[in-house]
């Protein structure tokens, strides 16, 4: 019984570590968009321009 609990504990620990590494990786990915994307993009029309603006 102890052996089974030990194996389950190790599996849970591995899962928690993998989730932590995944979250760290997601938060530290370099964005593929430029920092000034909204300023440097050329829009194709008024609707697209309205979506790129900071509000109505």
N, C-alpha and C. Protein backbone atom coordinates (compact mmCIF):
# COMPACT_ATOMS: atom_id res chain seq x y z
N UNK A 1 0.83 -1.20 0.00
CA UNK A 1 0.00 0.00 0.00
C UNK A 1 0.87 1.26 0.00
N UNK A 2 1.95 1.24 0.80
CA UNK A 2 2.82 2.39 0.85
C UNK A 2 3.48 2.65 -0.51
N UNK A 3 3.81 1.56 -1.19
CA UNK A 3 4.47 1.68 -2.49
C UNK A 3 3.54 2.36 -3.50
N UNK A 4 2.26 2.02 -3.46
CA UNK A 4 1.28 2.60 -4.37
C UNK A 4 1.12 4.09 -4.09
N UNK A 5 1.03 4.45 -2.82
CA UNK A 5 0.90 5.86 -2.45
C UNK A 5 2.15 6.65 -2.85
N UNK A 6 3.31 6.03 -2.72
CA UNK A 6 4.55 6.68 -3.11
C UNK A 6 4.57 6.94 -4.62
N UNK A 7 4.14 5.98 -5.40
CA UNK A 7 4.09 6.13 -6.86
C UNK A 7 3.09 7.21 -7.25
N UNK A 8 1.94 7.22 -6.63
CA UNK A 8 0.92 8.24 -6.91
C UNK A 8 1.45 9.62 -6.53
N UNK A 9 2.14 9.72 -5.41
CA UNK A 9 2.73 11.00 -5.00
C UNK A 9 3.77 11.50 -5.98
N UNK A 10 4.60 10.60 -6.47
CA UNK A 10 5.63 10.98 -7.45
C UNK A 10 4.97 11.45 -8.74
N UNK A 11 3.95 10.74 -9.18
CA UNK A 11 3.24 11.13 -10.41
C UNK A 11 2.61 12.51 -10.24
N UNK A 12 1.97 12.76 -9.11
CA UNK A 12 1.37 14.07 -8.86
C UNK A 12 2.43 15.17 -8.81
N UNK A 13 3.57 14.88 -8.20
CA UNK A 13 4.65 15.84 -8.14
C UNK A 13 5.17 16.18 -9.54
N UNK A 14 5.32 15.17 -10.38
CA UNK A 14 5.78 15.39 -11.75
C UNK A 14 4.77 16.24 -12.51
N UNK A 15 3.49 15.97 -12.34
CA UNK A 15 2.45 16.76 -13.02
C UNK A 15 2.50 18.21 -12.57
N UNK A 16 2.65 18.45 -11.28
CA UNK A 16 2.70 19.82 -10.75
C UNK A 16 3.93 20.54 -11.29
N UNK A 17 5.06 19.87 -11.33
CA UNK A 17 6.29 20.48 -11.86
C UNK A 17 6.13 20.81 -13.34
N UNK A 18 5.53 19.90 -14.12
CA UNK A 18 5.31 20.15 -15.54
C UNK A 18 4.39 21.34 -15.76
N UNK A 19 3.35 21.46 -14.96
CA UNK A 19 2.43 22.60 -15.06
C UNK A 19 3.16 23.90 -14.73
N UNK A 20 4.00 23.87 -13.68
CA UNK A 20 4.75 25.07 -13.31
C UNK A 20 5.72 25.48 -14.42
N UNK A 21 6.40 24.52 -15.02
CA UNK A 21 7.32 24.82 -16.11
C UNK A 21 6.56 25.36 -17.31
N UNK A 22 5.41 24.80 -17.61
CA UNK A 22 4.59 25.27 -18.73
C UNK A 22 4.13 26.70 -18.50
N UNK A 23 3.68 27.02 -17.31
CA UNK A 23 3.23 28.38 -17.00
C UNK A 23 4.40 29.35 -17.10
N UNK A 24 5.57 28.97 -16.59
CA UNK A 24 6.75 29.82 -16.70
C UNK A 24 7.11 30.05 -18.16
N UNK A 25 7.06 29.00 -18.95
CA UNK A 25 7.40 29.10 -20.37
C UNK A 25 6.42 30.01 -21.11
N UNK A 26 5.13 29.88 -20.81
CA UNK A 26 4.11 30.71 -21.46
C UNK A 26 4.30 32.19 -21.12
N UNK A 27 4.63 32.49 -19.88
CA UNK A 27 4.75 33.88 -19.46
C UNK A 27 6.04 34.54 -19.92
N UNK A 28 7.02 33.75 -20.35
CA UNK A 28 8.30 34.32 -20.75
C UNK A 28 8.59 34.16 -22.24
N UNK A 29 7.59 33.85 -23.03
CA UNK A 29 7.78 33.75 -24.47
C UNK A 29 7.90 35.16 -25.05
N UNK A 30 8.85 35.34 -25.94
CA UNK A 30 8.96 36.62 -26.64
C UNK A 30 7.82 36.71 -27.64
N UNK A 31 7.18 37.85 -27.63
CA UNK A 31 6.07 38.06 -28.55
C UNK A 31 6.58 38.17 -29.97
N UNK A 32 5.85 37.60 -30.90
CA UNK A 32 6.25 37.70 -32.29
C UNK A 32 5.82 39.04 -32.90
N UNK A 33 5.01 39.79 -32.17
CA UNK A 33 4.59 41.11 -32.64
C UNK A 33 5.57 42.17 -32.16
N UNK A 34 5.74 43.19 -32.95
CA UNK A 34 6.58 44.30 -32.55
C UNK A 34 5.89 45.08 -31.44
N UNK A 35 6.69 45.81 -30.66
CA UNK A 35 6.12 46.62 -29.58
C UNK A 35 5.24 47.74 -30.11
N UNK A 36 5.57 48.27 -31.27
CA UNK A 36 4.80 49.39 -31.83
C UNK A 36 3.89 48.90 -32.95
N UNK A 37 3.32 47.73 -32.79
CA UNK A 37 2.49 47.14 -33.84
C UNK A 37 1.33 48.04 -34.24
N UNK A 38 0.64 48.58 -33.25
CA UNK A 38 -0.54 49.41 -33.55
C UNK A 38 -0.16 50.68 -34.30
N UNK A 39 1.02 51.19 -34.05
CA UNK A 39 1.43 52.43 -34.72
C UNK A 39 1.99 52.17 -36.11
N UNK A 40 2.60 51.02 -36.32
CA UNK A 40 3.30 50.78 -37.58
C UNK A 40 2.49 49.99 -38.61
N UNK A 41 1.36 49.41 -38.21
CA UNK A 41 0.57 48.60 -39.14
C UNK A 41 -0.20 49.50 -40.10
N UNK A 42 -0.28 49.07 -41.33
CA UNK A 42 -1.08 49.80 -42.32
C UNK A 42 -2.40 49.08 -42.46
N UNK A 43 -3.49 49.79 -42.22
CA UNK A 43 -4.81 49.17 -42.23
C UNK A 43 -5.39 49.13 -43.63
N UNK A 44 -6.34 48.19 -43.79
CA UNK A 44 -6.98 48.05 -45.09
C UNK A 44 -8.30 48.78 -45.19
N UNK A 45 -8.72 49.42 -44.14
CA UNK A 45 -9.99 50.13 -44.20
C UNK A 45 -10.37 50.72 -42.86
N UNK A 46 -11.53 51.35 -42.83
CA UNK A 46 -11.96 52.06 -41.63
C UNK A 46 -12.32 51.11 -40.49
N UNK A 47 -12.88 49.94 -40.80
CA UNK A 47 -13.25 49.00 -39.74
C UNK A 47 -11.99 48.47 -39.05
N UNK A 48 -11.01 48.09 -39.86
CA UNK A 48 -9.76 47.59 -39.28
C UNK A 48 -9.07 48.68 -38.47
N UNK A 49 -9.08 49.91 -38.97
CA UNK A 49 -8.47 51.02 -38.25
C UNK A 49 -9.18 51.25 -36.92
N UNK A 50 -10.50 51.09 -36.89
CA UNK A 50 -11.26 51.29 -35.65
C UNK A 50 -10.88 50.22 -34.62
N UNK A 51 -10.63 48.99 -35.05
CA UNK A 51 -10.25 47.93 -34.11
C UNK A 51 -8.84 48.13 -33.55
N UNK A 52 -7.98 48.80 -34.30
CA UNK A 52 -6.62 49.04 -33.83
C UNK A 52 -6.51 50.23 -32.92
N UNK A 53 -7.50 51.10 -32.89
CA UNK A 53 -7.48 52.27 -32.04
C UNK A 53 -7.70 51.87 -30.58
N UNK A 54 -7.38 52.79 -29.69
CA UNK A 54 -7.55 52.54 -28.25
C UNK A 54 -8.90 53.03 -27.77
N UNK A 55 -9.95 52.61 -28.37
CA UNK A 55 -11.27 53.01 -27.92
C UNK A 55 -12.09 53.60 -29.04
N UNK A 56 -13.31 54.03 -28.71
CA UNK A 56 -14.23 54.54 -29.75
C UNK A 56 -13.83 55.90 -30.27
